[in-house]
Protein backbone atom coordinates (compact mmCIF):
# COMPACT_ATOMS: atom_id res chain seq x y z
CA MET A 1 14.39 172.18 8.38
CA LYS A 2 17.54 170.20 6.90
CA ILE A 3 17.10 166.45 6.96
CA ARG A 4 20.56 164.94 7.18
CA ARG A 5 20.80 161.28 5.95
CA PHE A 6 23.57 159.07 6.83
CA PHE A 7 24.92 155.60 6.17
CA ILE A 8 25.85 152.70 8.47
CA LEU A 9 27.86 149.94 7.17
CA LEU A 10 27.52 146.95 9.45
CA LEU A 11 30.42 144.41 9.50
CA PRO A 12 28.86 141.57 11.82
CA ILE A 13 30.80 138.40 12.79
CA VAL A 14 28.60 135.38 13.08
CA THR A 15 29.18 132.54 15.35
CA GLY A 16 27.47 129.16 14.40
CA ILE A 17 26.26 126.86 17.30
CA LEU A 18 27.17 123.42 16.16
CA THR A 19 24.49 120.74 16.87
CA GLY A 20 25.73 117.99 15.10
CA CYS A 21 29.02 115.92 15.79
CA GLY A 22 32.35 114.86 14.36
CA SER A 23 35.91 116.07 14.48
CA GLY A 24 35.73 118.97 11.83
CA SER A 25 39.43 119.47 12.24
CA ASP A 26 40.97 117.88 9.53
CA LYS A 27 40.11 118.14 5.74
CA SER A 28 43.06 116.33 4.55
CA ASP A 29 42.41 113.16 2.46
CA SER A 30 41.49 110.01 4.28
CA GLN A 31 43.41 107.22 3.75
CA ALA A 32 42.30 103.23 4.08
CA LYS A 33 44.75 101.66 6.32
CA SER A 34 47.21 99.25 4.64
CA PRO A 35 46.69 95.47 5.41
CA PRO A 36 48.78 94.14 8.27
CA SER A 37 52.04 92.00 7.87
CA HIS A 38 53.37 88.99 9.61
CA ALA A 39 52.24 86.14 7.51
CA SER A 40 52.89 82.36 7.82
CA SER A 41 51.83 79.85 5.14
CA ARG A 42 48.15 79.46 5.55
CA PHE A 43 47.36 81.95 8.59
CA LEU A 44 48.19 85.48 8.71
CA ARG A 45 48.52 87.32 12.12
CA ASN A 46 46.99 90.63 12.18
CA LEU A 47 47.89 93.70 14.51
CA ASP A 48 44.45 93.79 16.42
CA ASP A 49 44.60 90.12 18.06
CA THR A 50 43.04 88.16 15.24
CA VAL A 51 44.45 85.76 12.80
CA THR A 52 43.29 85.30 9.16
CA ASP A 53 42.70 81.88 7.36
CA LYS A 54 43.86 82.80 3.61
CA ILE A 55 41.97 79.61 2.31
CA THR A 56 38.54 79.63 4.26
CA HIS A 57 38.87 83.47 4.76
CA LEU A 58 37.57 83.09 8.30
CA LEU A 59 38.81 85.48 10.98
CA TRP A 60 39.83 84.01 14.38
CA GLN A 61 39.91 85.57 17.77
CA ASP A 62 43.44 85.38 19.11
CA ASP A 63 43.46 87.75 22.32
CA SER A 64 44.62 86.72 25.74
CA SER A 65 40.90 85.60 26.62
CA ALA A 66 41.30 82.85 23.98
CA LYS A 67 43.57 80.86 26.53
CA THR A 68 41.61 82.11 29.74
CA VAL A 69 37.89 82.07 29.12
CA LYS A 70 36.07 79.00 30.09
CA LYS A 71 32.17 78.72 29.71
CA SER A 72 29.32 76.07 29.06
CA GLN A 73 28.38 75.83 25.18
CA GLU A 74 25.34 78.00 25.66
CA ASP A 75 27.34 80.68 27.72
CA ALA A 76 30.24 80.37 25.10
CA ALA A 77 27.66 81.25 22.06
CA ALA A 78 26.47 84.25 23.80
CA TYR A 79 30.13 85.23 24.54
CA CYS A 80 30.96 85.06 21.07
CA ALA A 81 27.68 86.77 19.81
CA GLY A 82 28.55 89.84 22.14
CA LEU A 83 32.20 89.96 21.23
CA LYS A 84 33.44 93.27 19.80
CA LEU A 85 36.99 92.80 18.44
CA ALA A 86 38.90 94.30 15.32
CA GLY A 87 35.64 96.39 14.59
CA ARG A 88 33.71 93.31 13.78
CA GLU A 89 30.10 92.19 15.54
CA ASP A 90 29.72 89.00 13.91
CA TRP A 91 31.57 86.78 15.97
CA ARG A 92 30.08 83.31 16.57
CA LEU A 93 31.33 79.94 18.14
CA PRO A 94 33.19 77.82 15.39
CA SER A 95 31.78 74.57 13.82
CA LEU A 96 33.75 71.19 14.63
CA ASP A 97 34.94 71.65 10.86
CA GLU A 98 36.40 74.90 11.22
CA LEU A 99 38.00 74.52 14.47
CA MET A 100 39.76 71.49 13.58
CA ILE A 101 41.40 73.02 10.89
CA LEU A 102 43.50 74.87 13.61
CA ALA A 103 44.16 71.97 15.60
CA GLY A 104 46.91 70.49 13.34
CA GLN A 105 47.33 67.12 14.97
CA GLY A 106 48.26 69.11 18.10
CA ARG A 107 50.71 71.21 16.08
CA VAL A 108 48.92 74.84 16.05
CA ASP A 109 50.18 77.21 13.66
CA PRO A 110 52.75 79.93 15.16
CA ALA A 111 50.40 82.55 13.99
CA PHE A 112 48.32 81.70 17.09
CA GLU A 113 49.73 83.06 20.20
CA ASN A 114 46.99 82.30 22.77
CA VAL A 115 46.36 78.58 22.73
CA ALA A 116 45.56 76.64 25.88
CA PRO A 117 46.38 72.72 25.25
CA GLN A 118 42.90 71.93 26.45
CA LEU A 119 39.44 71.51 25.06
CA TYR A 120 37.70 74.12 23.07
CA HIS A 121 33.91 74.69 22.42
CA THR A 122 32.23 74.16 18.90
CA GLN A 123 28.83 74.82 17.93
CA THR A 124 28.46 71.32 16.62
CA PRO A 125 26.11 69.05 18.59
CA TYR A 126 26.26 65.34 18.67
CA ALA A 127 23.89 63.89 16.17
CA ASN A 128 23.12 60.85 18.15
CA LYS A 129 22.64 62.47 21.54
CA GLN A 130 21.61 66.37 22.04
CA THR A 131 22.92 66.84 25.49
CA LEU A 132 26.57 66.21 23.98
CA ALA A 133 28.50 68.30 21.67
CA TRP A 134 31.72 68.16 19.86
CA TYR A 135 34.97 69.69 21.22
CA VAL A 136 38.68 69.93 19.86
CA ASN A 137 41.65 68.84 22.16
CA PHE A 138 44.36 71.39 21.10
CA SER A 139 46.78 69.17 22.94
CA TYR A 140 46.80 66.29 20.50
CA GLY A 141 44.47 67.40 17.80
CA PHE A 142 41.63 65.06 18.69
CA ASP A 143 38.03 65.82 18.33
CA TYR A 144 35.93 64.89 21.60
CA LEU A 145 32.50 64.57 22.87
CA ALA A 146 31.39 65.88 26.28
CA LEU A 147 28.34 67.56 27.87
CA LYS A 148 27.42 70.91 26.46
CA SER A 149 27.03 72.15 30.16
CA THR A 150 30.63 71.50 30.96
CA PRO A 151 33.09 74.59 30.90
CA TYR A 152 35.63 74.69 28.38
CA TYR A 153 37.76 77.18 26.49
CA VAL A 154 36.44 79.53 23.90
CA ARG A 155 37.76 80.73 20.54
CA CYS A 156 35.53 82.82 18.26
CA VAL A 157 35.54 83.18 14.79
CA ALA A 158 33.84 85.66 12.39
CA GLY A 159 32.98 84.98 8.79
CA LYS A 160 30.78 82.92 6.34
CA PRO A 161 30.48 79.49 7.43
CA TYR A 162 33.23 77.33 5.87
CA LEU A 163 31.59 74.41 3.95
CA PRO A 164 33.54 72.36 1.46
CA HIS A 165 31.68 72.27 -1.94
CA LEU A 166 31.12 68.75 -2.85
CA GLU A 167 29.55 67.17 -5.76
CA ARG A 168 29.19 63.90 -7.45
CA ASN A 169 31.40 63.74 -10.59
CA ASP A 170 30.19 60.26 -11.97
CA GLY A 171 29.25 57.02 -10.63
CA GLU A 172 32.70 56.60 -9.00
CA THR A 173 34.10 59.88 -7.75
CA VAL A 174 33.27 63.00 -6.02
CA ILE A 175 35.01 66.33 -6.26
CA ASP A 176 35.88 68.93 -3.76
CA THR A 177 35.99 72.18 -5.58
CA THR A 178 36.98 73.95 -2.37
CA ASN A 179 40.00 71.92 -1.53
CA ASP A 180 40.87 70.93 -5.26
CA LEU A 181 40.24 67.27 -4.49
CA MET A 182 38.79 64.23 -6.16
CA TRP A 183 37.63 61.39 -4.03
CA GLU A 184 37.34 57.67 -4.80
CA ASP A 185 33.57 56.59 -4.31
CA ASP A 186 33.24 53.27 -5.92
CA ALA A 187 31.71 50.14 -4.51
CA ALA A 188 35.03 48.68 -4.40
CA LEU A 189 36.10 50.57 -1.25
CA LYS A 190 33.69 48.41 0.70
CA GLU A 191 35.18 45.22 -0.14
CA SER A 192 38.29 44.62 1.92
CA ARG A 193 40.33 46.05 4.73
CA ARG A 194 44.09 46.58 4.43
CA SER A 195 47.14 47.36 6.58
CA TRP A 196 48.55 50.85 6.35
CA GLU A 197 51.28 49.71 3.97
CA GLU A 198 48.88 47.81 1.85
CA ALA A 199 46.49 50.72 1.68
CA LYS A 200 49.10 53.05 0.54
CA SER A 201 50.17 50.55 -2.26
CA TYR A 202 46.48 50.07 -3.27
CA CYS A 203 45.85 53.80 -3.91
CA GLU A 204 49.24 54.41 -5.62
CA ASN A 205 48.14 51.58 -8.07
CA LEU A 206 44.50 52.48 -8.53
CA THR A 207 43.39 53.55 -11.93
CA LEU A 208 39.95 55.15 -11.60
CA GLY A 209 37.92 57.59 -13.81
CA GLY A 210 40.84 57.58 -16.31
CA PHE A 211 43.23 58.81 -13.77
CA THR A 212 46.36 57.15 -12.22
CA ASP A 213 47.62 59.76 -9.60
CA TRP A 214 45.77 58.52 -6.51
CA ARG A 215 46.98 58.26 -3.08
CA LEU A 216 46.01 57.77 0.45
CA PRO A 217 44.45 61.22 1.81
CA SER A 218 46.09 63.17 4.71
CA ILE A 219 44.10 63.20 8.00
CA GLU A 220 43.11 66.82 7.26
CA GLU A 221 41.77 65.95 3.75
CA LEU A 222 39.89 62.67 5.01
CA TYR A 223 38.33 64.91 8.05
CA THR A 224 36.57 67.24 5.44
CA ILE A 225 34.17 64.46 4.17
CA THR A 226 33.02 63.73 7.64
CA ASP A 227 29.37 65.03 8.53
CA HIS A 228 28.73 65.60 11.99
CA HIS A 229 25.24 66.30 11.50
CA ARG A 230 24.76 62.54 10.68
CA PHE A 231 26.01 59.33 12.12
CA ASN A 232 25.94 55.57 11.16
CA PRO A 233 27.79 56.54 8.80
CA ALA A 234 28.82 60.18 9.30
CA ILE A 235 29.70 61.23 5.83
CA LYS A 236 28.59 64.08 3.77
CA PRO A 237 25.81 63.33 1.14
CA PRO A 238 27.38 63.28 -2.15
CA PHE A 239 29.27 60.06 -1.01
CA GLN A 240 27.07 56.95 -1.73
CA ASN A 241 29.64 54.22 -0.59
CA GLY A 242 30.01 54.91 3.02
CA LEU A 243 30.86 52.48 5.82
CA SER A 244 30.68 53.11 9.66
CA ALA A 245 34.13 51.89 10.05
CA ASN A 246 37.80 53.30 10.41
CA PHE A 247 39.51 54.43 7.51
CA TRP A 248 43.27 55.15 7.03
CA SER A 249 44.83 58.45 6.37
CA ALA A 250 48.62 58.80 5.05
CA THR A 251 49.48 60.82 8.08
CA PRO A 252 51.64 59.13 10.82
CA ALA A 253 50.99 60.07 14.51
CA ARG A 254 53.85 58.17 16.13
CA GLU A 255 55.78 55.05 15.55
CA GLY A 256 53.40 52.06 15.02
CA TYR A 257 50.31 54.35 14.88
CA ILE A 258 48.51 56.21 12.18
CA TRP A 259 45.90 59.03 11.99
CA GLY A 260 42.65 57.76 10.87
CA VAL A 261 38.75 58.44 10.94
CA ASN A 262 35.72 56.40 12.19
CA PHE A 263 32.86 57.41 10.12
CA TYR A 264 30.41 55.83 12.66
CA GLN A 265 30.40 59.22 14.10
CA GLY A 266 33.05 60.91 12.07
CA SER A 267 35.85 61.00 14.72
CA ASN A 268 39.62 60.92 14.42
CA TYR A 269 39.85 59.51 17.95
CA TYR A 270 40.31 55.61 18.24
CA ASN A 271 39.00 55.20 21.63
CA THR A 272 39.56 51.28 21.77
CA ASP A 273 43.34 52.06 21.75
CA GLU A 274 45.31 53.76 24.78
CA TYR A 275 47.04 56.05 22.24
CA GLY A 276 43.91 57.08 20.46
CA TRP A 277 45.30 56.59 16.93
CA LEU A 278 45.22 53.24 14.52
CA PRO A 279 47.80 50.74 14.93
CA ASP A 280 49.52 50.30 11.70
CA HIS A 281 49.57 46.42 11.67
CA LYS A 282 45.77 46.25 12.00
CA ARG A 283 43.36 46.17 8.91
CA TYR A 284 41.11 48.96 8.21
CA TYR A 285 39.13 50.65 4.97
CA THR A 286 40.69 52.59 2.44
CA ARG A 287 39.32 55.59 0.37
CA CYS A 288 41.78 57.07 -1.94
CA VAL A 289 42.20 60.68 -3.21
CA ARG A 290 43.89 62.71 -5.78
CA SER A 291 44.85 66.48 -6.21
CA GLN A 292 43.19 68.33 -9.23
CA ARG A 293 42.92 71.98 -9.46
CA PHE A 294 39.65 73.47 -9.84
CA ASN A 295 38.92 77.26 -10.60
CA GLU A 296 37.69 78.89 -7.54
CA ALA A 297 35.75 82.29 -7.70
CA PRO A 298 37.60 85.09 -5.99
CA VAL A 299 36.47 86.71 -2.83
CA ALA A 300 35.99 90.39 -2.71
CA ASP A 301 36.44 91.99 0.55
CA ALA A 302 33.97 94.44 1.99
CA MET A 303 35.42 97.86 3.52
CA GLN A 304 34.28 100.59 5.86
CA ILE A 305 36.06 103.98 5.16
CA GLY A 306 35.87 106.94 7.20
CA LEU A 307 36.48 110.58 6.01
CA SER A 308 35.71 114.30 6.80
CA GLU A 309 32.93 116.49 5.02
CA ASP A 310 34.37 117.90 1.89
CA ALA A 311 37.35 115.73 1.99
CA ASN A 312 38.48 113.03 -0.21
CA ALA A 313 39.49 109.17 0.54
CA SER A 314 41.80 107.27 -1.30
CA PHE A 315 42.00 103.51 -1.24
CA SER A 316 42.44 100.43 -3.14
CA LEU A 317 39.63 97.67 -3.47
CA GLN A 318 40.67 94.34 -1.88
CA ALA A 319 39.86 90.97 -3.14
CA SER A 320 41.67 87.47 -2.96
CA ASP A 321 41.93 84.54 -5.20
CA ARG A 322 42.83 81.05 -3.78
CA ASP A 323 44.01 79.94 -7.40
CA GLY A 324 46.61 82.93 -7.56
CA ASP A 325 44.81 84.15 -10.62
CA PRO A 326 45.18 88.04 -11.52
CA LEU A 327 42.08 89.98 -10.73
CA GLN A 328 40.10 92.56 -12.42
CA PHE A 329 37.50 94.60 -10.62
CA ARG A 330 34.28 96.24 -11.85
CA ILE A 331 31.94 98.66 -10.00
CA GLU A 332 28.40 97.26 -9.68
CA ARG A 333 26.71 100.22 -8.01
CA ALA A 334 28.14 103.74 -8.03
CA PRO A 335 27.93 105.94 -4.76
CA ILE A 336 24.74 108.22 -4.44
CA HIS A 337 26.18 111.20 -2.70
CA GLY A 338 29.50 111.38 -4.40
CA VAL A 339 31.83 110.35 -7.25
CA LEU A 340 34.51 107.88 -7.87
CA LEU A 341 37.95 108.96 -9.52
CA GLY A 342 40.42 106.69 -10.76
CA THR A 343 40.64 103.20 -12.32
CA PRO A 344 39.66 100.22 -10.05
CA PRO A 345 41.36 99.02 -7.96
CA ASP A 346 42.77 102.38 -7.03
CA LEU A 347 40.18 104.81 -6.57
CA ILE A 348 39.51 108.26 -4.88
CA TYR A 349 36.06 108.96 -3.49
CA ARG A 350 34.94 112.51 -3.62
CA PRO A 351 31.67 113.34 -1.56
CA ASP A 352 29.39 116.14 -2.73
CA PRO A 353 29.82 119.44 -1.26
CA ASP A 354 28.61 119.77 2.18
CA PHE A 355 27.47 116.19 2.47
CA PHE A 356 27.82 114.33 5.52
CA GLY A 357 26.39 111.10 6.60
CA GLU A 358 26.74 107.43 4.88
CA ASP A 359 27.08 106.62 1.25
CA SER A 360 28.17 103.18 -0.27
CA PHE A 361 28.98 101.28 -3.65
CA THR A 362 29.51 97.91 -4.51
CA PHE A 363 32.11 95.99 -6.51
CA ILE A 364 33.00 92.46 -8.13
CA ALA A 365 36.18 90.89 -8.67
CA ASN A 366 36.86 88.41 -11.66
CA ASP A 367 39.57 86.11 -12.17
CA GLY A 368 38.92 85.69 -15.82
CA ALA A 369 36.84 82.92 -15.50
CA ALA A 370 34.20 83.71 -12.50
CA ASP A 371 33.03 86.60 -10.70
CA SER A 372 33.18 87.15 -6.90
CA GLU A 373 29.95 87.81 -4.98
CA VAL A 374 29.19 91.48 -4.80
CA ALA A 375 30.97 93.39 -1.78
CA THR A 376 30.16 96.65 -0.51
CA ILE A 377 32.40 99.69 0.50
CA THR A 378 30.80 101.97 3.30
CA LEU A 379 31.88 105.33 3.36
CA THR A 380 31.19 107.40 6.82
CA ILE A 381 31.47 111.06 6.02
CA GLU A 382 31.98 113.09 9.49
CA VAL A 383 30.24 116.50 9.82
CA VAL A 384 32.70 119.50 9.56
CA ASN A 385 31.32 122.80 10.81
CA ASP A 386 31.19 125.13 8.10
CA ALA A 387 31.48 128.92 8.97
CA PRO A 388 28.38 131.02 8.54
CA ASN A 389 28.17 133.76 5.87
CA ALA A 390 27.54 137.40 7.20
CA GLN A 391 25.57 139.65 4.77
CA SER A 392 26.65 143.21 4.48
CA LEU A 393 23.97 145.86 4.32
CA ALA A 394 23.51 149.46 3.75
CA LYS A 395 20.67 151.54 5.62
CA SER A 396 19.68 155.05 5.49
CA GLY A 397 17.64 157.13 7.90
CA ILE A 398 16.82 160.57 9.52
CA TRP A 399 19.26 162.07 11.74
CA ASN A 400 18.63 161.83 15.53
CA SER A 401 15.96 159.14 14.92
CA ALA A 402 16.05 155.71 15.62
CA LEU A 403 17.02 153.42 12.71
CA PRO A 404 16.10 149.76 12.85
CA ILE A 405 18.42 147.15 11.54
CA THR A 406 18.06 143.53 11.50
CA LEU A 407 21.36 141.65 10.98
CA SER A 408 21.37 138.81 8.50
CA ALA A 409 23.54 135.76 7.68
CA THR A 410 23.29 132.32 6.30
CA ASP A 411 24.61 128.98 7.57
CA PRO A 412 25.41 125.91 5.18
CA ASP A 413 24.66 123.57 8.19
CA GLY A 414 21.47 125.17 9.15
CA ASP A 415 22.83 125.90 12.65
CA ALA A 416 21.27 128.48 14.99
CA LEU A 417 23.25 131.64 14.90
CA THR A 418 24.51 134.29 17.32
CA TYR A 419 25.64 137.86 16.33
CA ARG A 420 28.41 140.19 17.58
CA ILE A 421 29.28 143.57 16.68
CA ILE A 422 33.18 144.32 16.18
CA ARG A 423 33.29 147.79 15.08
């Protein structure tokens, strides 16, 4: 009996069942978004209802809620903690020092489009009575004390808390390296009170620490040395010659009145006068200041970048330097699941084949004198379904007898597979 042998060539099509998630539809290079425009001198309005302070690097909420939402201080803190805006979840109530920067003597920077001319919450309690907290009046730019339980407006902030870096320079001066200032702090400032004109003349003719370019500080400068966690006097610790009294600024308020600070509680509101400012003919204390540039380390910006599996991401590292120095970039820790191509700050990230998930690397910016703190770039690689690979096979058997056949295929993603005969 002849035994006829035959051969079958099977060409299966295999369908993978995708169990992961992700778009899987775009394998083109991912590109980090370019920074927004529309800048004023200090404040930069972004395209996502936020405003960036280019000096403190704080990010401010400025959506329509910033001029409509009113809450108690406790509820305001919870509201900010739960706010999700501009991809950030680190929102909080600002401190008094931070919020006062925006008040601008009642003239708010035009980068802010949603401002109610009313009181806004801060997180700063009154050091002398815990049921009270500090608020900022955006109508005139005054600070204000009120009960924490009273509903007022809320403007949230994100970023590292703003704290001027003050240190004692010698026995007679204090330096502020954040704001590039040197302050008078000798015993002579306690000795006499002056009219406003006399105070300006005193500073202009002062010789101290070998310097002669002293002047009366602006109200914004004078307010930076207050410490609202203290009172009587409410002045930051490096200062050793403080008085719980009114001090002049160089900033006029209206005819016959000048902005000043009372250092008993650190307030810019002179509440014994109907207008709230210091009458220029009265006699108050003087603390002089001079400008001096101190190098400040650059600030490297963390970024989050998304791309698809087996795609590349092109982007530029971002950092800022308040001194305007040219910056160099250095990779501190390389990514684990991919490689970096290019020369910082312009880089391309190429993930390992078929990798999806999260990867990261860190970098530092340097201004020629100081390093920034380490910043992290987080890369999220979305899964893309890879087609399975069907395996061809050849089988031989006996004519008119059953021939067992097991189809075989592999799937790079490890998904469950189904089979379909096409011919």
